[in-house]
Amino acid sequence: MEPNQEHDIPAVDQIANGENLQMYKAMIPYFPKNMQRTLALLIKMVEMNHLLSFYNSPMSACAMPETHNPEEILSQLRQYGNDRQNQQIDQISNLITMLKLYQTYNE
């Protein structure tokens, strides 16, 4: 996977996919139909195992940013939304901006 593509994948999927699971997923259609379902389920089980291992490790607490900036969160969500959802995210972003301006004005 190219480094710039990795940023388009949510962090939880990066953890779940590990090193090679994306390649394995891409290979599924080339297997006989009767094997595809089994391979897909096996890959999902490996993903679950990666997630469980990550969240059971003491280092998992370091993965979460210390501060939560609502604008950053909305920007991340916008990457995965459809047009209707992105319109709602934009409305929320505009509301946050207006509230910040109102707070600044009152100070």
PDB file of N, CA and C in Angstrom:
ATOM      1  N   MET A   1       0.845  -1.177   0.000  1.00  0.00           N
ATOM      2  CA  MET A   1       0.000   0.000   0.000  1.00  0.00           C
ATOM      3  C   MET A   1       0.885   1.233   0.000  1.00  0.00           C
ATOM      4  N   GLU A   2       0.552   2.203  -0.843  1.00  0.00           N
ATOM      5  CA  GLU A   2       1.321   3.427  -0.893  1.00  0.00           C
ATOM      6  C   GLU A   2       1.014   4.260   0.330  1.00  0.00           C
ATOM      7  N   PRO A   3       2.018   5.018   0.844  1.00  0.00           N
ATOM      8  CA  PRO A   3       1.800   5.798   2.056  1.00  0.00           C
ATOM      9  C   PRO A   3       0.650   6.789   1.937  1.00  0.00           C
ATOM     10  N   ASN A   4       0.463   7.435   0.778  1.00  0.00           N
ATOM     11  CA  ASN A   4      -0.607   8.420   0.677  1.00  0.00           C
ATOM     12  C   ASN A   4      -1.986   7.771   0.668  1.00  0.00           C
ATOM     13  N   GLN A   5      -2.101   6.514   0.257  1.00  0.00           N
ATOM     14  CA  GLN A   5      -3.385   5.822   0.302  1.00  0.00           C
ATOM     15  C   GLN A   5      -3.746   5.437   1.728  1.00  0.00           C
ATOM     16  N   GLU A   6      -2.765   5.208   2.565  1.00  0.00           N
ATOM     17  CA  GLU A   6      -3.006   4.777   3.932  1.00  0.00           C
ATOM     18  C   GLU A   6      -3.804   5.811   4.708  1.00  0.00           C
ATOM     19  N   HIS A   7      -3.633   7.112   4.388  1.00  0.00           N
ATOM     20  CA  HIS A   7      -4.349   8.158   5.109  1.00  0.00           C
ATOM     21  C   HIS A   7      -5.821   8.202   4.751  1.00  0.00           C
ATOM     22  N   ASP A   8      -6.224   7.606   3.631  1.00  0.00           N
ATOM     23  CA  ASP A   8      -7.622   7.579   3.237  1.00  0.00           C
ATOM     24  C   ASP A   8      -8.391   6.470   3.948  1.00  0.00           C
ATOM     25  N   ILE A   9      -7.691   5.573   4.596  1.00  0.00           N
ATOM     26  CA  ILE A   9      -8.318   4.464   5.298  1.00  0.00           C
ATOM     27  C   ILE A   9      -8.449   4.846   6.769  1.00  0.00           C
ATOM     28  N   PRO A  10      -9.643   4.705   7.356  1.00  0.00           N
ATOM     29  CA  PRO A  10      -9.795   5.024   8.778  1.00  0.00           C
ATOM     30  C   PRO A  10      -8.808   4.231   9.632  1.00  0.00           C
ATOM     31  N   ALA A  11      -8.410   4.833  10.748  1.00  0.00           N
ATOM     32  CA  ALA A  11      -7.395   4.232  11.611  1.00  0.00           C
ATOM     33  C   ALA A  11      -7.778   2.823  12.060  1.00  0.00           C
ATOM     34  N   VAL A  12      -9.045   2.608  12.379  1.00  0.00           N
ATOM     35  CA  VAL A  12      -9.456   1.282  12.855  1.00  0.00           C
ATOM     36  C   VAL A  12      -9.295   0.240  11.754  1.00  0.00           C
ATOM     37  N   ASP A  13      -9.508   0.636  10.494  1.00  0.00           N
ATOM     38  CA  ASP A  13      -9.305  -0.297   9.391  1.00  0.00           C
ATOM     39  C   ASP A  13      -7.818  -0.557   9.150  1.00  0.00           C
ATOM     40  N   GLN A  14      -6.982   0.457   9.379  1.00  0.00           N
ATOM     41  CA  GLN A  14      -5.544   0.257   9.258  1.00  0.00           C
ATOM     42  C   GLN A  14      -5.069  -0.764  10.287  1.00  0.00           C
ATOM     43  N   ILE A  15      -5.613  -0.686  11.495  1.00  0.00           N
ATOM     44  CA  ILE A  15      -5.265  -1.639  12.552  1.00  0.00           C
ATOM     45  C   ILE A  15      -5.765  -3.027  12.171  1.00  0.00           C
ATOM     46  N   ALA A  16      -7.006  -3.108  11.741  1.00  0.00           N
ATOM     47  CA  ALA A  16      -7.615  -4.405  11.425  1.00  0.00           C
ATOM     48  C   ALA A  16      -6.939  -5.077  10.236  1.00  0.00           C
ATOM     49  N   ASN A  17      -6.566  -4.291   9.233  1.00  0.00           N
ATOM     50  CA  ASN A  17      -6.001  -4.869   8.019  1.00  0.00           C
ATOM     51  C   ASN A  17      -4.585  -5.378   8.196  1.00  0.00           C
ATOM     52  N   GLY A  18      -3.865  -4.859   9.154  1.00  0.00           N
ATOM     53  CA  GLY A  18      -2.494  -5.314   9.336  1.00  0.00           C
ATOM     54  C   GLY A  18      -1.661  -5.046   8.099  1.00  0.00           C
ATOM     55  N   GLU A  19      -0.743  -5.942   7.812  1.00  0.00           N
ATOM     56  CA  GLU A  19       0.196  -5.746   6.710  1.00  0.00           C
ATOM     57  C   GLU A  19      -0.362  -6.157   5.351  1.00  0.00           C
ATOM     58  N   ASN A  20      -1.021  -7.309   5.268  1.00  0.00           N
ATOM     59  CA  ASN A  20      -1.329  -7.891   3.964  1.00  0.00           C
ATOM     60  C   ASN A  20      -2.800  -8.159   3.680  1.00  0.00           C
ATOM     61  N   LEU A  21      -3.685  -7.867   4.584  1.00  0.00           N
ATOM     62  CA  LEU A  21      -5.074  -8.276   4.376  1.00  0.00           C
ATOM     63  C   LEU A  21      -5.727  -7.616   3.167  1.00  0.00           C
ATOM     64  N   GLN A  22      -5.337  -6.396   2.830  1.00  0.00           N
ATOM     65  CA  GLN A  22      -5.902  -5.756   1.647  1.00  0.00           C
ATOM     66  C   GLN A  22      -5.570  -6.567   0.396  1.00  0.00           C
ATOM     67  N   MET A  23      -4.350  -7.078   0.320  1.00  0.00           N
ATOM     68  CA  MET A  23      -3.970  -7.910  -0.828  1.00  0.00           C
ATOM     69  C   MET A  23      -4.801  -9.183  -0.859  1.00  0.00           C
ATOM     70  N   TYR A  24      -5.005  -9.797   0.301  1.00  0.00           N
ATOM     71  CA  TYR A  24      -5.801 -11.025   0.350  1.00  0.00           C
ATOM     72  C   TYR A  24      -7.237 -10.756  -0.076  1.00  0.00           C
ATOM     73  N   LYS A  25      -7.786  -9.614   0.354  1.00  0.00           N
ATOM     74  CA  LYS A  25      -9.150  -9.255  -0.036  1.00  0.00           C
ATOM     75  C   LYS A  25      -9.246  -9.076  -1.550  1.00  0.00           C
ATOM     76  N   ALA A  26      -8.231  -8.465  -2.129  1.00  0.00           N
ATOM     77  CA  ALA A  26      -8.231  -8.237  -3.576  1.00  0.00           C
ATOM     78  C   ALA A  26      -8.151  -9.547  -4.352  1.00  0.00           C
ATOM     79  N   MET A  27      -7.614 -10.593  -3.738  1.00  0.00           N
ATOM     80  CA  MET A  27      -7.466 -11.886  -4.418  1.00  0.00           C
ATOM     81  C   MET A  27      -8.736 -12.740  -4.380  1.00  0.00           C
ATOM     82  N   ILE A  28      -9.649 -12.449  -3.492  1.00  0.00           N
ATOM     83  CA  ILE A  28     -10.843 -13.288  -3.307  1.00  0.00           C
ATOM     84  C   ILE A  28     -11.598 -13.560  -4.607  1.00  0.00           C
ATOM     85  N   PRO A  29     -11.865 -12.569  -5.456  1.00  0.00           N
ATOM     86  CA  PRO A  29     -12.641 -12.853  -6.673  1.00  0.00           C
ATOM     87  C   PRO A  29     -11.969 -13.846  -7.631  1.00  0.00           C
ATOM     88  N   TYR A  30     -10.691 -14.080  -7.474  1.00  0.00           N
ATOM     89  CA  TYR A  30      -9.969 -14.971  -8.380  1.00  0.00           C
ATOM     90  C   TYR A  30      -9.979 -16.433  -7.918  1.00  0.00           C
ATOM     91  N   PHE A  31     -10.553 -16.672  -6.753  1.00  0.00           N
ATOM     92  CA  PHE A  31     -10.689 -18.037  -6.261  1.00  0.00           C
ATOM     93  C   PHE A  31     -12.017 -18.613  -6.739  1.00  0.00           C
ATOM     94  N   PRO A  32     -12.142 -19.939  -6.744  1.00  0.00           N
ATOM     95  CA  PRO A  32     -13.428 -20.546  -7.118  1.00  0.00           C
ATOM     96  C   PRO A  32     -14.549 -20.058  -6.201  1.00  0.00           C
ATOM     97  N   LYS A  33     -15.741 -19.951  -6.753  1.00  0.00           N
ATOM     98  CA  LYS A  33     -16.893 -19.427  -5.990  1.00  0.00           C
ATOM     99  C   LYS A  33     -17.094 -20.140  -4.658  1.00  0.00           C
ATOM    100  N   ASN A  34     -16.902 -21.443  -4.626  1.00  0.00           N
ATOM    101  CA  ASN A  34     -17.158 -22.185  -3.394  1.00  0.00           C
ATOM    102  C   ASN A  34     -16.113 -21.879  -2.309  1.00  0.00           C
ATOM    103  N   MET A  35     -14.988 -21.248  -2.639  1.00  0.00           N
ATOM    104  CA  MET A  35     -13.965 -20.895  -1.665  1.00  0.00           C
ATOM    105  C   MET A  35     -14.046 -19.434  -1.226  1.00  0.00           C
ATOM    106  N   GLN A  36     -14.692 -18.588  -2.020  1.00  0.00           N
ATOM    107  CA  GLN A  36     -14.701 -17.149  -1.749  1.00  0.00           C
ATOM    108  C   GLN A  36     -15.323 -16.801  -0.395  1.00  0.00           C
ATOM    109  N   ARG A  37     -16.446 -17.415  -0.093  1.00  0.00           N
ATOM    110  CA  ARG A  37     -17.120 -17.120   1.180  1.00  0.00           C
ATOM    111  C   ARG A  37     -16.240 -17.499   2.361  1.00  0.00           C
ATOM    112  N   THR A  38     -15.626 -18.665   2.298  1.00  0.00           N
ATOM    113  CA  THR A  38     -14.759 -19.132   3.382  1.00  0.00           C
ATOM    114  C   THR A  38     -13.565 -18.203   3.550  1.00  0.00           C
ATOM    115  N   LEU A  39     -12.958 -17.799   2.443  1.00  0.00           N
ATOM    116  CA  LEU A  39     -11.808 -16.894   2.516  1.00  0.00           C
ATOM    117  C   LEU A  39     -12.209 -15.532   3.087  1.00  0.00           C
ATOM    118  N   ALA A  40     -13.360 -15.016   2.661  1.00  0.00           N
ATOM    119  CA  ALA A  40     -13.828 -13.728   3.175  1.00  0.00           C
ATOM    120  C   ALA A  40     -14.062 -13.801   4.683  1.00  0.00           C
ATOM    121  N   LEU A  41     -14.666 -14.870   5.144  1.00  0.00           N
ATOM    122  CA  LEU A  41     -14.907 -15.031   6.582  1.00  0.00           C
ATOM    123  C   LEU A  41     -13.593 -15.194   7.352  1.00  0.00           C
ATOM    124  N   LEU A  42     -12.658 -15.920   6.789  1.00  0.00           N
ATOM    125  CA  LEU A  42     -11.355 -16.087   7.420  1.00  0.00           C
ATOM    126  C   LEU A  42     -10.648 -14.747   7.556  1.00  0.00           C
ATOM    127  N   ILE A  43     -10.701 -13.937   6.514  1.00  0.00           N
ATOM    128  CA  ILE A  43     -10.075 -12.608   6.567  1.00  0.00           C
ATOM    129  C   ILE A  43     -10.734 -11.748   7.636  1.00  0.00           C
ATOM    130  N   LYS A  44     -12.054 -11.800   7.730  1.00  0.00           N
ATOM    131  CA  LYS A  44     -12.760 -11.026   8.766  1.00  0.00           C
ATOM    132  C   LYS A  44     -12.362 -11.493  10.162  1.00  0.00           C
ATOM    133  N   MET A  45     -12.162 -12.780  10.334  1.00  0.00           N
ATOM    134  CA  MET A  45     -11.729 -13.297  11.642  1.00  0.00           C
ATOM    135  C   MET A  45     -10.327 -12.794  11.974  1.00  0.00           C
ATOM    136  N   VAL A  46      -9.451 -12.737  10.983  1.00  0.00           N
ATOM    137  CA  VAL A  46      -8.103 -12.214  11.211  1.00  0.00           C
ATOM    138  C   VAL A  46      -8.172 -10.727  11.568  1.00  0.00           C
ATOM    139  N   GLU A  47      -9.051  -9.985  10.888  1.00  0.00           N
ATOM    140  CA  GLU A  47      -9.237  -8.565  11.227  1.00  0.00           C
ATOM    141  C   GLU A  47      -9.684  -8.400  12.674  1.00  0.00           C
ATOM    142  N   MET A  48     -10.653  -9.210  13.087  1.00  0.00           N
ATOM    143  CA  MET A  48     -11.122  -9.151  14.480  1.00  0.00           C
ATOM    144  C   MET A  48      -9.995  -9.463  15.446  1.00  0.00           C
ATOM    145  N   ASN A  49      -9.173 -10.426  15.116  1.00  0.00           N
ATOM    146  CA  ASN A  49      -8.042 -10.786  15.955  1.00  0.00           C
ATOM    147  C   ASN A  49      -7.063  -9.618  16.068  1.00  0.00           C
ATOM    148  N   HIS A  50      -6.798  -8.936  14.945  1.00  0.00           N
ATOM    149  CA  HIS A  50      -5.914  -7.760  14.979  1.00  0.00           C
ATOM    150  C   HIS A  50      -6.487  -6.671  15.887  1.00  0.00           C
ATOM    151  N   LEU A  51      -7.788  -6.429  15.766  1.00  0.00           N
ATOM    152  CA  LEU A  51      -8.417  -5.404  16.598  1.00  0.00           C
ATOM    153  C   LEU A  51      -8.363  -5.760  18.077  1.00  0.00           C
ATOM    154  N   LEU A  52      -8.691  -7.009  18.392  1.00  0.00           N
ATOM    155  CA  LEU A  52      -8.652  -7.433  19.788  1.00  0.00           C
ATOM    156  C   LEU A  52      -7.249  -7.333  20.363  1.00  0.00           C
ATOM    157  N   SER A  53      -6.262  -7.736  19.593  1.00  0.00           N
ATOM    158  CA  SER A  53      -4.870  -7.647  20.049  1.00  0.00           C
ATOM    159  C   SER A  53      -4.475  -6.198  20.280  1.00  0.00           C
ATOM    160  N   PHE A  54      -4.867  -5.324  19.374  1.00  0.00           N
ATOM    161  CA  PHE A  54      -4.518  -3.910  19.511  1.00  0.00           C
ATOM    162  C   PHE A  54      -5.138  -3.307  20.763  1.00  0.00           C
ATOM    163  N   TYR A  55      -6.440  -3.514  20.947  1.00  0.00           N
ATOM    164  CA  TYR A  55      -7.122  -2.884  22.074  1.00  0.00           C
ATOM    165  C   TYR A  55      -6.828  -3.555  23.411  1.00  0.00           C
ATOM    166  N   ASN A  56      -6.261  -4.738  23.391  1.00  0.00           N
ATOM    167  CA  ASN A  56      -5.833  -5.376  24.637  1.00  0.00           C
ATOM    168  C   ASN A  56      -4.410  -4.996  25.023  1.00  0.00           C
ATOM    169  N   SER A  57      -3.708  -4.316  24.123  1.00  0.00           N
ATOM    170  CA  SER A  57      -2.329  -3.929  24.428  1.00  0.00           C
ATOM    171  C   SER A  57      -2.314  -2.593  25.164  1.00  0.00           C
ATOM    172  N   PRO A  58      -1.310  -2.379  26.017  1.00  0.00           N
ATOM    173  CA  PRO A  58      -1.233  -1.109  26.752  1.00  0.00           C
ATOM    174  C   PRO A  58      -0.968   0.089  25.835  1.00  0.00           C
ATOM    175  N   MET A  59      -0.432  -0.146  24.645  1.00  0.00           N
ATOM    176  CA  MET A  59      -0.118   0.950  23.734  1.00  0.00           C
ATOM    177  C   MET A  59      -1.353   1.508  23.041  1.00  0.00           C
ATOM    178  N   SER A  60      -2.485   0.833  23.108  1.00  0.00           N
ATOM    179  CA  SER A  60      -3.673   1.293  22.395  1.00  0.00           C
ATOM    180  C   SER A  60      -4.141   2.648  22.910  1.00  0.00           C
ATOM    181  N   ALA A  61      -3.858   2.963  24.177  1.00  0.00           N
ATOM    182  CA  ALA A  61      -4.258   4.259  24.726  1.00  0.00           C
ATOM    183  C   ALA A  61      -3.527   5.397  24.023  1.00  0.00           C
ATOM    184  N   CYS A  62      -2.360   5.138  23.483  1.00  0.00           N
ATOM    185  CA  CYS A  62      -1.592   6.177  22.791  1.00  0.00           C
ATOM    186  C   CYS A  62      -2.161   6.500  21.429  1.00  0.00           C
ATOM    187  N   ALA A  63      -3.010   5.667  20.900  1.00  0.00           N
ATOM    188  CA  ALA A  63      -3.526   5.861  19.547  1.00  0.00           C
ATOM    189  C   ALA A  63      -4.547   6.990  19.482  1.00  0.00           C
ATOM    190  N   MET A  64      -5.186   7.314  20.585  1.00  0.00           N
ATOM    191  CA  MET A  64      -6.217   8.340  20.606  1.00  0.00           C
ATOM    192  C   MET A  64      -5.588   9.710  20.845  1.00  0.00           C
ATOM    193  N   PRO A  65      -5.908  10.700  19.999  1.00  0.00           N
ATOM    194  CA  PRO A  65      -5.382  12.036  20.246  1.00  0.00           C
ATOM    195  C   PRO A  65      -5.874  12.571  21.584  1.00  0.00           C
ATOM    196  N   GLU A  66      -5.044  13.371  22.223  1.00  0.00           N
ATOM    197  CA  GLU A  66      -5.404  13.870  23.550  1.00  0.00           C
ATOM    198  C   GLU A  66      -6.516  14.905  23.492  1.00  0.00           C
ATOM    199  N   THR A  67      -6.536  15.717  22.452  1.00  0.00           N
ATOM    200  CA  THR A  67      -7.587  16.717  22.321  1.00  0.00           C
ATOM    201  C   THR A  67      -8.495  16.347  21.163  1.00  0.00           C
ATOM    202  N   HIS A  68      -9.747  16.658  21.330  1.00  0.00           N
ATOM    203  CA  HIS A  68     -10.727  16.372  20.290  1.00  0.00           C
ATOM    204  C   HIS A  68     -11.224  17.689  19.717  1.00  0.00           C
ATOM    205  N   ASN A  69     -10.778  18.007  18.534  1.00  0.00           N
ATOM    206  CA  ASN A  69     -11.198  19.207  17.844  1.00  0.00           C
ATOM    207  C   ASN A  69     -12.398  18.845  16.977  1.00  0.00           C
ATOM    208  N   PRO A  70     -13.564  19.412  17.254  1.00  0.00           N
ATOM    209  CA  PRO A  70     -14.760  19.035  16.493  1.00  0.00           C
ATOM    210  C   PRO A  70     -14.601  19.248  14.986  1.00  0.00           C
ATOM    211  N   GLU A  71     -13.896  20.301  14.599  1.00  0.00           N
ATOM    212  CA  GLU A  71     -13.698  20.554  13.172  1.00  0.00           C
ATOM    213  C   GLU A  71     -12.889  19.445  12.521  1.00  0.00           C
ATOM    214  N   GLU A  72     -11.863  18.950  13.211  1.00  0.00           N
ATOM    215  CA  GLU A  72     -11.057  17.858  12.674  1.00  0.00           C
ATOM    216  C   GLU A  72     -11.881  16.580  12.544  1.00  0.00           C
ATOM    217  N   ILE A  73     -12.676  16.308  13.561  1.00  0.00           N
ATOM    218  CA  ILE A  73     -13.522  15.110  13.533  1.00  0.00           C
ATOM    219  C   ILE A  73     -14.495  15.185  12.355  1.00  0.00           C
ATOM    220  N   LEU A  74     -15.140  16.341  12.188  1.00  0.00           N
ATOM    221  CA  LEU A  74     -16.084  16.504  11.086  1.00  0.00           C
ATOM    222  C   LEU A  74     -15.382  16.397   9.734  1.00  0.00           C
ATOM    223  N   SER A  75     -14.184  16.932   9.654  1.00  0.00           N
ATOM    224  CA  SER A  75     -13.421  16.837   8.411  1.00  0.00           C
ATOM    225  C   SER A  75     -13.106  15.379   8.079  1.00  0.00           C
ATOM    226  N   GLN A  76     -12.743  14.605   9.088  1.00  0.00           N
ATOM    227  CA  GLN A  76     -12.480  13.176   8.873  1.00  0.00           C
ATOM    228  C   GLN A  76     -13.744  12.448   8.435  1.00  0.00           C
ATOM    229  N   LEU A  77     -14.859  12.746   9.073  1.00  0.00           N
ATOM    230  CA  LEU A  77     -16.122  12.096   8.728  1.00  0.00           C
ATOM    231  C   LEU A  77     -16.561  12.442   7.310  1.00  0.00           C
ATOM    232  N   ARG A  78     -16.283  13.668   6.895  1.00  0.00           N
ATOM    233  CA  ARG A  78     -16.702  14.143   5.573  1.00  0.00           C
ATOM    234  C   ARG A  78     -16.113  13.300   4.446  1.00  0.00           C
ATOM    235  N   GLN A  79     -14.948  12.729   4.652  1.00  0.00           N
ATOM    236  CA  GLN A  79     -14.305  11.903   3.630  1.00  0.00           C
ATOM    237  C   GLN A  79     -15.141  10.681   3.268  1.00  0.00           C
ATOM    238  N   TYR A  80     -15.973  10.221   4.207  1.00  0.00           N
ATOM    239  CA  TYR A  80     -16.697   8.970   4.019  1.00  0.00           C
ATOM    240  C   TYR A  80     -18.197   9.159   3.825  1.00  0.00           C
ATOM    241  N   GLY A  81     -18.649  10.413   3.853  1.00  0.00           N
ATOM    242  CA  GLY A  81     -20.073  10.667   3.733  1.00  0.00           C
ATOM    243  C   GLY A  81     -20.529  10.789   2.289  1.00  0.00           C
ATOM    244  N   ASN A  82     -21.823  10.557   2.079  1.00  0.00           N
ATOM    245  CA  ASN A  82     -22.408  10.812   0.770  1.00  0.00           C
ATOM    246  C   ASN A  82     -22.792  12.295   0.710  1.00  0.00           C
ATOM    247  N   ASP A  83     -23.383  12.733  -0.382  1.00  0.00           N
ATOM    248  CA  ASP A  83     -23.694  14.154  -0.548  1.00  0.00           C
ATOM    249  C   ASP A  83     -24.603  14.679   0.557  1.00  0.00           C
ATOM    250  N   ARG A  84     -25.646  13.925   0.887  1.00  0.00           N
ATOM    251  CA  ARG A  84     -26.596  14.356   1.922  1.00  0.00           C
ATOM    252  C   ARG A  84     -25.912  14.454   3.287  1.00  0.00           C
ATOM    253  N   GLN A  85     -25.110  13.447   3.621  1.00  0.00           N
ATOM    254  CA  GLN A  85     -24.405  13.452   4.900  1.00  0.00           C
ATOM    255  C   GLN A  85     -23.390  14.593   4.961  1.00  0.00           C
ATOM    256  N   ASN A  86     -22.681  14.822   3.854  1.00  0.00           N
ATOM    257  CA  ASN A  86     -21.699  15.908   3.833  1.00  0.00           C
ATOM    258  C   ASN A  86     -22.356  17.272   3.954  1.00  0.00           C
ATOM    259  N   GLN A  87     -23.561  17.401   3.424  1.00  0.00           N
ATOM    260  CA  GLN A  87     -24.307  18.647   3.573  1.00  0.00           C
ATOM    261  C   GLN A  87     -24.641  18.876   5.057  1.00  0.00           C
ATOM    262  N   GLN A  88     -25.046  17.826   5.749  1.00  0.00           N
ATOM    263  CA  GLN A  88     -25.331  17.928   7.180  1.00  0.00           C
ATOM    264  C   GLN A  88     -24.059  18.247   7.968  1.00  0.00           C
ATOM    265  N   ILE A  89     -22.949  17.615   7.597  1.00  0.00           N
ATOM    266  CA  ILE A  89     -21.673  17.893   8.267  1.00  0.00           C
ATOM    267  C   ILE A  89     -21.287  19.353   8.053  1.00  0.00           C
ATOM    268  N   ASP A  90     -21.488  19.864   6.848  1.00  0.00           N
ATOM    269  CA  ASP A  90     -21.194  21.274   6.559  1.00  0.00           C
ATOM    270  C   ASP A  90     -22.055  22.201   7.408  1.00  0.00           C
ATOM    271  N   GLN A  91     -23.326  21.846   7.585  1.00  0.00           N
ATOM    272  CA  GLN A  91     -24.211  22.658   8.418  1.00  0.00           C
ATOM    273  C   GLN A  91     -23.726  22.684   9.865  1.00  0.00           C
ATOM    274  N   ILE A  92     -23.298  21.540  10.362  1.00  0.00           N
ATOM    275  CA  ILE A  92     -22.774  21.472  11.731  1.00  0.00           C
ATOM    276  C   ILE A  92     -21.499  22.303  11.847  1.00  0.00           C
ATOM    277  N   SER A  93     -20.628  22.196  10.842  1.00  0.00           N
ATOM    278  CA  SER A  93     -19.387  22.980  10.844  1.00  0.00           C
ATOM    279  C   SER A  93     -19.688  24.469  10.859  1.00  0.00           C
ATOM    280  N   ASN A  94     -20.659  24.882  10.052  1.00  0.00           N
ATOM    281  CA  ASN A  94     -21.047  26.301  10.023  1.00  0.00           C
ATOM    282  C   ASN A  94     -21.620  26.739  11.363  1.00  0.00           C
ATOM    283  N   LEU A  95     -22.396  25.881  11.996  1.00  0.00           N
ATOM    284  CA  LEU A  95     -22.952  26.198  13.309  1.00  0.00           C
ATOM    285  C   LEU A  95     -21.839  26.367  14.339  1.00  0.00           C
ATOM    286  N   ILE A  96     -20.852  25.492  14.317  1.00  0.00           N
ATOM    287  CA  ILE A  96     -19.713  25.595  15.242  1.00  0.00           C
ATOM    288  C   ILE A  96     -18.967  26.906  15.017  1.00  0.00           C
ATOM    289  N   THR A  97     -18.760  27.259  13.761  1.00  0.00           N
ATOM    290  CA  THR A  97     -18.081  28.514  13.435  1.00  0.00           C
ATOM    291  C   THR A  97     -18.871  29.707  13.960  1.00  0.00           C
ATOM    292  N   MET A  98     -20.195  29.697  13.773  1.00  0.00           N
ATOM    293  CA  MET A  98     -21.035  30.788  14.259  1.00  0.00           C
ATOM    294  C   MET A  98     -20.994  30.870  15.781  1.00  0.00           C
ATOM    295  N   LEU A  99     -21.021  29.728  16.461  1.00  0.00           N
ATOM    296  CA  LEU A  99     -20.964  29.734  17.923  1.00  0.00           C
ATOM    297  C   LEU A  99     -19.635  30.288  18.424  1.00  0.00           C
ATOM    298  N   LYS A 100     -18.550  29.953  17.740  1.00  0.00           N
ATOM    299  CA  LYS A 100     -17.244  30.491  18.131  1.00  0.00           C
ATOM    300  C   LYS A 100     -17.196  31.997  17.930  1.00  0.00           C
ATOM    301  N   LEU A 101     -17.764  32.468  16.832  1.00  0.00           N
ATOM    302  CA  LEU A 101     -17.816  33.913  16.590  1.00  0.00           C
ATOM    303  C   LEU A 101     -18.654  34.606  17.653  1.00  0.00           C
ATOM    304  N   TYR A 102     -19.761  33.993  18.029  1.00  0.00           N
ATOM    305  CA  TYR A 102     -20.639  34.552  19.064  1.00  0.00           C
ATOM    306  C   TYR A 102     -19.895  34.627  20.394  1.00  0.00           C
ATOM    307  N   GLN A 103     -19.159  33.559  20.740  1.00  0.00           N
ATOM    308  CA  GLN A 103     -18.378  33.572  21.981  1.00  0.00           C
ATOM    309  C   GLN A 103     -17.321  34.648  21.960  1.00  0.00           C
ATOM    310  N   THR A 104     -16.645  34.805  20.849  1.00  0.00           N
ATOM    311  CA  THR A 104     -15.614  35.835  20.715  1.00  0.00           C
ATOM    312  C   THR A 104     -16.230  37.217  20.854  1.00  0.00           C
ATOM    313  N   TYR A 105     -17.376  37.423  20.248  1.00  0.00           N
ATOM    314  CA  TYR A 105     -18.054  38.702  20.315  1.00  0.00           C
ATOM    315  C   TYR A 105     -18.463  39.019  21.755  1.00  0.00           C
ATOM    316  N   ASN A 106     -18.915  38.043  22.517  1.00  0.00           N
ATOM    317  CA  ASN A 106     -19.356  38.254  23.897  1.00  0.00           C
ATOM    318  C   ASN A 106     -18.203  38.503  24.853  1.00  0.00           C
ATOM    319  N   GLU A 107     -17.008  38.065  24.472  1.00  0.00           N
ATOM    320  CA  GLU A 107     -15.853  38.283  25.345  1.00  0.00           C
ATOM    321  C   GLU A 107     -15.362  39.677  25.108  1.00  0.00           C
TER     322      GLU A 107
END
